[in-house]
Protein backbone atom coordinates (compact mmCIF):
# COMPACT_ATOMS: atom_id res chain seq x y z
CA UNK A 1 -43.60 -2.50 1.91
CA UNK A 2 -41.11 -4.69 0.04
CA UNK A 3 -37.66 -3.21 -0.26
CA UNK A 4 -36.15 -2.24 -3.64
CA UNK A 5 -32.33 -2.17 -3.73
CA UNK A 6 -29.91 -1.30 -6.55
CA UNK A 7 -26.24 -2.28 -6.55
CA UNK A 8 -24.18 -0.26 -9.05
CA UNK A 9 -20.68 -1.40 -9.88
CA UNK A 10 -18.16 0.22 -12.28
CA UNK A 11 -16.90 -2.32 -14.85
CA UNK A 12 -13.17 -2.85 -14.32
CA UNK A 13 -12.98 0.53 -12.60
CA UNK A 14 -9.30 1.46 -12.73
CA UNK A 15 -8.93 0.43 -16.34
CA UNK A 16 -12.25 2.09 -17.31
CA UNK A 17 -11.33 5.35 -15.64
CA UNK A 18 -7.92 5.47 -17.34
CA UNK A 19 -9.56 4.58 -20.64
CA UNK A 20 -12.14 7.34 -20.33
CA UNK A 21 -9.34 9.88 -19.80
CA UNK A 22 -7.33 8.59 -22.75
CA UNK A 23 -10.37 8.75 -25.06
CA UNK A 24 -10.90 12.39 -24.08
CA UNK A 25 -7.23 13.00 -24.98
CA UNK A 26 -7.71 11.38 -28.40
CA UNK A 27 -5.73 8.29 -27.45
CA UNK A 28 -6.63 4.66 -28.06
CA UNK A 29 -9.27 3.14 -25.76
CA UNK A 30 -7.60 0.58 -23.50
CA UNK A 31 -10.90 -1.34 -23.28
CA UNK A 32 -10.59 -2.28 -26.99
CA UNK A 33 -7.10 -3.76 -26.80
CA UNK A 34 -5.14 -6.17 -24.57
CA UNK A 35 -4.26 -3.79 -21.76
CA UNK A 36 -3.86 -3.71 -18.00
CA UNK A 37 -3.26 -1.40 -15.05
CA UNK A 38 -0.33 -1.97 -12.72
CA UNK A 39 3.43 -2.20 -12.68
CA UNK A 40 5.78 0.01 -14.65
CA UNK A 41 5.32 0.32 -18.45
CA UNK A 42 9.11 0.62 -18.99
CA UNK A 43 10.37 -2.04 -16.59
CA UNK A 44 7.34 -4.23 -17.20
CA UNK A 45 7.39 -5.40 -13.58
CA UNK A 46 4.81 -5.63 -10.81
CA UNK A 47 1.40 -7.28 -10.79
CA UNK A 48 -1.83 -6.90 -12.81
CA UNK A 49 -4.29 -4.67 -10.92
CA UNK A 50 -6.99 -4.52 -13.62
CA UNK A 51 -7.31 -5.90 -17.14
CA UNK A 52 -9.34 -5.32 -20.31
CA UNK A 53 -11.68 -7.92 -21.78
CA UNK A 54 -9.31 -8.51 -24.71
CA UNK A 55 -6.49 -9.14 -22.20
CA UNK A 56 -8.69 -11.60 -20.32
CA UNK A 57 -9.05 -13.65 -23.53
CA UNK A 58 -5.31 -14.32 -23.34
CA UNK A 59 -5.77 -15.84 -19.88
CA UNK A 60 -4.36 -12.83 -18.04
CA UNK A 61 -5.62 -12.72 -14.44
CA UNK A 62 -5.82 -9.95 -11.86
CA UNK A 63 -3.04 -10.34 -9.27
CA UNK A 64 -0.63 -12.27 -11.43
CA UNK A 65 2.94 -11.05 -12.00
CA UNK A 66 3.34 -8.71 -14.98
CA UNK A 67 6.11 -10.91 -16.43
CA UNK A 68 3.67 -13.79 -16.63
CA UNK A 69 1.03 -11.61 -18.31
CA UNK A 70 3.55 -10.42 -20.92
CA UNK A 71 4.49 -14.01 -21.71
CA UNK A 72 0.79 -14.70 -22.43
CA UNK A 73 0.41 -11.55 -24.52
CA UNK A 74 3.68 -9.88 -25.66
CA UNK A 75 1.83 -6.87 -27.11
CA UNK A 76 0.09 -6.12 -23.79
CA UNK A 77 -0.24 -2.38 -23.09
CA UNK A 78 0.64 -1.54 -19.46
CA UNK A 79 -0.43 1.66 -17.71
CA UNK A 80 0.61 2.70 -14.19
CA UNK A 81 -2.00 3.31 -11.49
CA UNK A 82 -3.23 6.90 -10.90
CA UNK A 83 -4.95 7.12 -7.56
CA UNK A 84 -5.92 10.78 -7.78
CA UNK A 85 -7.75 10.06 -11.05
CA UNK A 86 -9.59 7.21 -9.40
CA UNK A 87 -10.78 9.39 -6.51
CA UNK A 88 -12.00 12.05 -8.98
CA UNK A 89 -13.92 9.52 -11.11
CA UNK A 90 -15.35 7.83 -8.03
CA UNK A 91 -16.79 11.09 -6.77
CA UNK A 92 -18.43 11.93 -10.13
CA UNK A 93 -19.89 8.38 -10.36
CA UNK A 94 -21.34 8.57 -6.83
CA UNK A 95 -22.77 12.03 -7.38
CA UNK A 96 -24.92 10.74 -10.25
CA UNK A 97 -26.02 7.65 -8.24
CA UNK A 98 -26.90 9.77 -5.20
CA UNK A 99 -29.16 12.04 -7.27
CA UNK A 100 -31.60 9.15 -7.83
CA UNK A 101 -32.01 7.67 -4.34
CA UNK A 102 -33.08 8.81 -0.88
CA UNK A 103 -30.30 6.71 0.64
CA UNK A 104 -26.96 5.74 -0.89
CA UNK A 105 -24.26 3.58 0.73
CA UNK A 106 -20.69 3.73 -0.61
CA UNK A 107 -19.57 0.10 -0.57
CA UNK A 108 -16.13 0.72 -2.08
CA UNK A 109 -14.40 3.22 -4.37
CA UNK A 110 -16.27 1.82 -7.42
CA UNK A 111 -19.60 0.49 -6.13
CA UNK A 112 -22.65 1.74 -4.27
CA UNK A 113 -26.00 0.49 -2.95
CA UNK A 114 -29.12 2.59 -3.54
CA UNK A 115 -32.24 2.09 -1.43
CA UNK A 116 -35.03 2.83 -3.94
CA UNK A 117 -37.81 1.70 -1.62
CA UNK A 118 -40.83 4.00 -1.74
CA UNK A 119 -39.83 5.75 -4.97
CA UNK A 120 -42.42 4.06 -7.20
CA UNK A 121 -44.30 7.35 -7.83
CA UNK A 122 -41.11 8.97 -9.15
CA UNK A 123 -39.61 5.87 -10.80
CA UNK A 124 -42.51 3.48 -11.57
CA UNK A 125 -40.30 1.09 -13.58
CA UNK A 126 -37.20 0.00 -11.69
CA UNK A 127 -35.56 -1.64 -14.72
CA UNK A 128 -36.07 1.45 -16.85
CA UNK A 129 -34.62 3.58 -14.04
CA UNK A 130 -31.60 1.34 -13.77
CA UNK A 131 -30.98 1.72 -17.50
CA UNK A 132 -31.36 5.48 -17.15
CA UNK A 133 -28.69 5.62 -14.39
CA UNK A 134 -26.39 3.30 -16.34
CA UNK A 135 -26.66 5.30 -19.56
CA UNK A 136 -26.29 8.65 -17.80
CA UNK A 137 -22.97 7.49 -16.26
CA UNK A 138 -21.81 6.17 -19.65
CA UNK A 139 -22.77 9.31 -21.59
CA UNK A 140 -21.57 11.89 -19.10
CA UNK A 141 -18.48 10.21 -17.60
CA UNK A 142 -17.35 7.87 -20.40
CA UNK A 143 -17.29 4.53 -18.56
CA UNK A 144 -19.77 1.74 -18.03
CA UNK A 145 -21.42 0.15 -14.96
CA UNK A 146 -23.52 -2.87 -14.16
CA UNK A 147 -26.71 -2.48 -12.15
CA UNK A 148 -28.20 -5.30 -10.05
CA UNK A 149 -31.77 -5.04 -8.78
CA UNK A 150 -33.46 -6.98 -5.98
CA UNK A 151 -35.16 -6.80 -2.60
CA UNK A 152 -31.95 -6.91 -0.54
CA UNK A 153 -28.26 -5.99 -0.76
CA UNK A 154 -26.98 -9.52 -1.15
CA UNK A 155 -29.16 -10.37 -4.14
CA UNK A 156 -28.67 -6.98 -5.77
CA UNK A 157 -24.88 -7.41 -5.58
CA UNK A 158 -25.07 -10.98 -6.86
CA UNK A 159 -27.19 -9.69 -9.78
CA UNK A 160 -24.71 -6.97 -10.72
CA UNK A 161 -22.00 -9.66 -11.03
CA UNK A 162 -23.87 -11.46 -13.77
CA UNK A 163 -22.86 -10.88 -17.39
CA UNK A 164 -20.72 -7.75 -17.94
CA UNK A 165 -20.19 -4.99 -19.06
CA UNK A 166 -22.84 -2.31 -19.34
CA UNK A 167 -25.76 -4.50 -18.20
CA UNK A 168 -28.82 -4.37 -15.90
CA UNK A 169 -29.80 -7.64 -14.17
CA UNK A 170 -32.50 -8.60 -11.67
CA UNK A 171 -32.37 -11.30 -9.02
CA UNK A 172 -35.70 -11.22 -7.19
CA UNK A 173 -36.52 -13.96 -4.66
CA UNK A 174 -38.65 -15.89 -7.18
CA UNK A 175 -35.67 -15.92 -9.59
CA UNK A 176 -33.21 -17.48 -7.10
CA UNK A 177 -33.79 -21.13 -8.15
CA UNK A 178 -33.01 -20.37 -11.80
CA UNK A 179 -30.45 -17.57 -11.60
CA UNK A 180 -28.50 -18.15 -8.35
CA UNK A 181 -28.72 -21.72 -7.16
CA UNK A 182 -27.03 -23.28 -10.23
CA UNK A 183 -23.93 -21.09 -9.66
CA UNK A 184 -20.78 -22.64 -8.11
CA UNK A 185 -20.38 -22.10 -4.35
CA UNK A 186 -17.35 -19.81 -4.97
CA UNK A 187 -19.71 -17.24 -6.53
CA UNK A 188 -21.59 -16.73 -3.25
CA UNK A 189 -20.79 -13.35 -1.70
CA UNK A 190 -18.08 -13.48 1.03
CA UNK A 191 -17.40 -17.19 0.50
CA UNK A 192 -13.62 -17.69 0.26
CA UNK A 193 -11.40 -20.38 -1.20
CA UNK A 194 -10.92 -22.25 2.08
CA UNK A 195 -14.70 -22.47 2.54
CA UNK A 196 -15.18 -23.51 -1.08
CA UNK A 197 -12.70 -26.38 -0.58
CA UNK A 198 -14.53 -27.63 2.55
CA UNK A 199 -17.89 -27.48 0.84
CA UNK A 200 -16.86 -29.20 -2.37
CA UNK A 201 -15.09 -31.93 -0.42
CA UNK A 202 -18.41 -32.46 1.37
CA UNK A 203 -20.20 -32.76 -1.97
CA UNK A 204 -21.71 -29.29 -2.12
CA UNK A 205 -20.76 -27.80 -5.46
CA UNK A 206 -23.48 -25.20 -6.12
CA UNK A 207 -25.19 -22.49 -4.10
CA UNK A 208 -28.35 -24.56 -4.47
CA UNK A 209 -26.59 -27.50 -2.77
CA UNK A 210 -25.91 -25.28 0.21
CA UNK A 211 -29.47 -23.92 0.33
CA UNK A 212 -30.91 -27.45 0.31
CA UNK A 213 -28.60 -28.74 3.01
CA UNK A 214 -29.34 -28.43 6.70
CA UNK A 215 -27.90 -25.30 8.31
CA UNK A 216 -26.16 -27.46 10.92
CA UNK A 217 -24.27 -29.28 8.13
CA UNK A 218 -22.90 -25.94 6.88
CA UNK A 219 -21.99 -24.87 10.44
CA UNK A 220 -20.06 -28.12 11.05
CA UNK A 221 -17.97 -27.40 7.95
CA UNK A 222 -17.52 -23.62 8.22
CA UNK A 223 -18.05 -22.81 11.88
CA UNK A 224 -21.17 -21.73 13.74
CA UNK A 225 -21.15 -18.03 12.94
CA UNK A 226 -19.84 -18.20 9.34
CA UNK A 227 -21.97 -21.24 8.61
CA UNK A 228 -25.13 -19.46 9.79
CA UNK A 229 -24.38 -16.37 7.68
CA UNK A 230 -23.42 -18.20 4.49
CA UNK A 231 -26.41 -20.57 4.77
CA UNK A 232 -28.74 -17.53 4.95
CA UNK A 233 -26.98 -16.01 1.94
CA UNK A 234 -27.38 -19.27 -0.02
CA UNK A 235 -31.11 -18.98 0.70
CA UNK A 236 -31.11 -15.37 -0.49
CA UNK A 237 -31.73 -13.93 3.00
CA UNK A 238 -30.11 -10.61 3.96
CA UNK A 239 -31.67 -8.03 6.31
CA UNK A 240 -28.81 -5.56 6.37
CA UNK A 241 -29.87 -1.94 5.75
CA UNK A 242 -28.47 0.50 3.19
CA UNK A 243 -26.53 2.95 5.40
CA UNK A 244 -26.18 6.52 4.22
CA UNK A 245 -23.37 7.23 6.67
CA UNK A 246 -20.60 4.73 7.38
CA UNK A 247 -20.19 3.63 10.96
CA UNK A 248 -17.42 5.27 12.92
CA UNK A 249 -14.08 3.80 11.98
CA UNK A 250 -12.99 0.90 14.09
CA UNK A 251 -9.43 1.48 12.93
CA UNK A 252 -7.19 3.21 10.38
CA UNK A 253 -5.12 1.33 7.87
CA UNK A 254 -3.12 1.74 4.66
CA UNK A 255 -1.62 -0.83 2.29
CA UNK A 256 0.82 -0.49 -0.61
CA UNK A 257 1.18 -2.92 -3.46
CA UNK A 258 4.65 -2.73 -5.01
CA UNK A 259 5.41 -2.59 -8.72
CA UNK A 260 8.76 -4.32 -8.10
CA UNK A 261 9.86 -6.93 -5.60
CA UNK A 262 10.99 -5.41 -2.30
CA UNK A 263 13.95 -7.40 -0.97
CA UNK A 264 15.75 -5.30 1.61
CA UNK A 265 14.97 -3.68 4.99
CA UNK A 266 16.39 -0.40 3.63
CA UNK A 267 13.68 -0.38 0.99
CA UNK A 268 10.91 -1.24 3.42
CA UNK A 269 11.55 1.10 6.32
CA UNK A 270 10.99 4.47 4.54
CA UNK A 271 7.73 3.04 3.19
CA UNK A 272 6.71 1.81 6.61
CA UNK A 273 7.45 5.21 8.15
CA UNK A 274 5.42 6.92 5.46
CA UNK A 275 2.53 4.61 6.09
CA UNK A 276 2.67 5.20 9.85
CA UNK A 277 2.69 8.93 9.18
CA UNK A 278 -0.40 8.60 6.94
CA UNK A 279 -2.51 6.50 9.31
CA UNK A 280 -1.44 8.43 12.43
CA UNK A 281 -2.38 11.72 10.72
CA UNK A 282 -5.81 10.38 9.76
CA UNK A 283 -6.35 9.09 13.29
CA UNK A 284 -5.37 12.41 14.92
CA UNK A 285 -7.80 14.25 12.65
CA UNK A 286 -10.60 12.16 14.21
CA UNK A 287 -9.34 12.86 17.73
CA UNK A 288 -8.51 9.21 18.37
CA UNK A 289 -5.62 7.23 19.82
CA UNK A 290 -4.77 3.57 19.26
CA UNK A 291 -3.88 0.76 21.62
CA UNK A 292 -2.94 -1.82 18.97
CA UNK A 293 -0.59 -1.64 15.94
CA UNK A 294 -0.39 -4.33 13.30
CA UNK A 295 1.75 -4.88 10.24
CA UNK A 296 0.73 -6.98 7.24
CA UNK A 297 2.93 -8.08 4.35
CA UNK A 298 2.42 -10.26 1.31
CA UNK A 299 5.05 -12.42 -0.36
CA UNK A 300 5.20 -13.83 -3.90
CA UNK A 301 2.85 -16.66 -2.97
CA UNK A 302 0.11 -14.00 -2.50
CA UNK A 303 -0.39 -15.03 1.15
CA UNK A 304 -0.79 -12.23 3.71
CA UNK A 305 1.02 -12.47 7.05
CA UNK A 306 -0.12 -10.20 9.90
CA UNK A 307 1.52 -9.47 13.25
CA UNK A 308 0.02 -7.28 15.96
CA UNK A 309 1.18 -5.79 19.27
CA UNK A 310 -0.63 -4.05 22.11
CA UNK A 311 0.79 -0.80 23.52
CA UNK A 312 1.12 -0.06 27.22
CA UNK A 313 -0.62 3.28 26.63
CA UNK A 314 -2.90 4.60 23.93
CA UNK A 315 -0.91 6.79 21.52
CA UNK A 316 -1.34 9.00 18.44
CA UNK A 317 2.30 9.94 17.82
CA UNK A 318 3.82 8.90 14.52
CA UNK A 319 7.25 8.13 16.04
CA UNK A 320 5.86 5.74 18.68
CA UNK A 321 3.65 3.97 16.17
CA UNK A 322 6.55 3.64 13.70
CA UNK A 323 8.87 2.13 16.34
CA UNK A 324 6.31 -0.59 17.10
CA UNK A 325 5.59 -1.25 13.43
CA UNK A 326 9.31 -1.47 12.65
CA UNK A 327 9.90 -3.91 15.50
CA UNK A 328 6.95 -6.02 14.35
CA UNK A 329 8.20 -6.14 10.78
CA UNK A 330 11.90 -6.76 11.45
CA UNK A 331 11.10 -9.57 13.91
CA UNK A 332 8.66 -11.35 11.55
CA UNK A 333 10.01 -10.87 8.01
CA UNK A 334 12.29 -13.65 6.85
CA UNK A 335 13.66 -11.81 3.80
CA UNK A 336 11.23 -13.15 1.18
CA UNK A 337 10.52 -10.74 -1.75
CA UNK A 338 7.52 -8.57 -0.85
CA UNK A 339 4.60 -7.43 -3.00
CA UNK A 340 2.55 -5.63 -0.35
CA UNK A 341 2.97 -4.05 3.08
CA UNK A 342 0.39 -2.42 5.30
CA UNK A 343 -0.05 -0.83 8.72
CA UNK A 344 -3.24 -0.78 10.79
CA UNK A 345 -4.13 1.04 14.00
CA UNK A 346 -6.98 -0.51 16.00
CA UNK A 347 -8.58 -0.56 19.44
CA UNK A 348 -9.24 3.15 19.24
CA UNK A 349 -10.02 5.33 22.21
CA UNK A 350 -10.64 8.99 23.09
CA UNK A 351 -8.84 8.51 26.37
CA UNK A 352 -6.09 11.09 26.98
CA UNK A 353 -4.79 9.65 30.24
CA UNK A 354 -1.25 8.22 30.04
CA UNK A 355 0.85 6.41 32.61
CA UNK A 356 4.21 8.17 32.61
CA UNK A 357 7.31 5.98 32.84
CA UNK A 358 10.58 6.68 34.66
CA UNK A 359 12.39 4.72 31.98
CA UNK A 360 11.09 6.71 28.96
CA UNK A 361 12.26 10.05 27.60
CA UNK A 362 9.03 11.91 28.27
CA UNK A 363 10.48 15.18 27.02
CA UNK A 364 11.22 13.58 23.67
CA UNK A 365 7.70 12.20 23.50
CA UNK A 366 6.36 15.70 24.06
CA UNK A 367 8.61 17.08 21.34
CA UNK A 368 7.27 14.39 18.94
CA UNK A 369 3.67 15.36 19.80
CA UNK A 370 4.48 18.98 19.01
CA UNK A 371 6.12 17.94 15.73
CA UNK A 372 3.10 15.95 14.72
CA UNK A 373 0.80 18.83 15.64
CA UNK A 374 2.84 21.25 13.55
CA UNK A 375 2.89 18.95 10.52
CA UNK A 376 -0.83 18.31 10.86
CA UNK A 377 -1.56 22.09 10.97
CA UNK A 378 0.59 22.72 7.82
CA UNK A 379 -1.06 19.86 5.93
CA UNK A 380 -4.55 21.00 6.99
CA UNK A 381 -3.90 24.56 5.83
CA UNK A 382 -1.73 24.07 2.76
CA UNK A 383 -2.38 20.50 1.61
CA UNK A 384 -1.08 17.05 2.41
CA UNK A 385 1.74 17.28 -0.13
CA UNK A 386 3.35 20.43 1.25
CA UNK A 387 5.40 18.77 4.01
CA UNK A 388 6.89 15.37 4.58
CA UNK A 389 9.54 13.81 6.82
CA UNK A 390 13.11 14.04 5.56
CA UNK A 391 13.71 10.33 6.08
CA UNK A 392 11.05 9.44 3.52
CA UNK A 393 11.74 12.14 0.88
CA UNK A 394 13.50 9.60 -1.37
CA UNK A 395 10.98 6.79 -0.94
CA UNK A 396 9.71 5.72 -4.37
CA UNK A 397 6.90 3.53 -3.08
CA UNK A 398 4.14 5.54 -4.70
CA UNK A 399 2.19 5.56 -1.44
CA UNK A 400 2.57 9.33 -1.08
CA UNK A 401 0.31 9.97 -4.10
CA UNK A 402 -2.20 7.43 -2.95
CA UNK A 403 -2.20 8.73 0.65
CA UNK A 404 -2.55 12.37 -0.41
CA UNK A 405 -5.54 11.48 -2.61
CA UNK A 406 -7.12 9.46 0.18
CA UNK A 407 -6.68 12.23 2.77
CA UNK A 408 -7.86 14.87 0.33
CA UNK A 409 -10.98 12.85 -0.23
CA UNK A 410 -11.54 12.63 3.56
CA UNK A 411 -10.99 16.38 3.96
CA UNK A 412 -13.77 17.12 1.53
CA UNK A 413 -16.35 14.83 3.13
CA UNK A 414 -18.96 16.60 5.30
CA UNK A 415 -18.56 15.91 9.02
């Protein structure tokens, strides 16, 4: 039986969700005016996280500094991010999608895959069904989506990225030569700027150019593994299943994008501690410990820099993780203005064995474990926002709201 896959993607999710709320409140729809999400409306600083179609017509781009966007469009309306709203809207969107399919995979906060294979008796016309889902979301929730339809996940996602907003598109295998191959190589899923540069320098400008080349040519340019995968994608081949349950986490991470430039260690360290507290709490809830800690930061050139260290023993204590993250950051940051910082815990284990050291304060480590356990218990019973560490009470990073929403979302997921 040939597979039937839908990919459903919210159009400019953060801006659409904020717009839907404002319309309900009788306010102007941000989608109809030059508007964006991100930064501070009063200070007019930060970066553009999402933009309206009218804003796009002024040349405003996602990720650019707010000051630059304002120069392009002085009347630009700026609205701050609201992560709790996004989680609420995401849940409502996914509930409607899940009601139509035997299997749904959450691909991100604003997109899902539906495996509609074998549903022809219930939904004999896939295109009509896609329109039904799209219109139901629009009518009940107040925002629009695109739906892509095909026989695999790759092609369905490529299809949903065609003309927006509020559209249904197909990209079946027989349509690849007309609909996909003429597209520039940068439009191929998971193909980044560095790969695009290598391909275009070799004379491959379209996805069709890649598909008609020899696989070995692509591998020479992009590497054996990446070349093999991207060559298959260019040919429209993707065997990956739609997974109802995500695989067990390989790590825990959190990132914060700043509305203003961060230029001092004193600004960074409370944020870093708060991040370590968030990821360590999430990890302990899953009964895991980590062996590796990494810190990532992004400067004004939008380039991420990551640094990682391996611990002598697996740990789940916030204090120990923070000390390693702090050391990584202070040793690698050269003082450039920051726009993002993140912490990741990887190489997870269930192992509880620990090699005690004569040179460490093991009593202090035990006190820290008990402190973490107490804070976890309070958060679990009364909510994530009921207790925080004194040293991060005055942090204005905005991560607390995002982290609380994220952990609340995890709490409500079935085990």
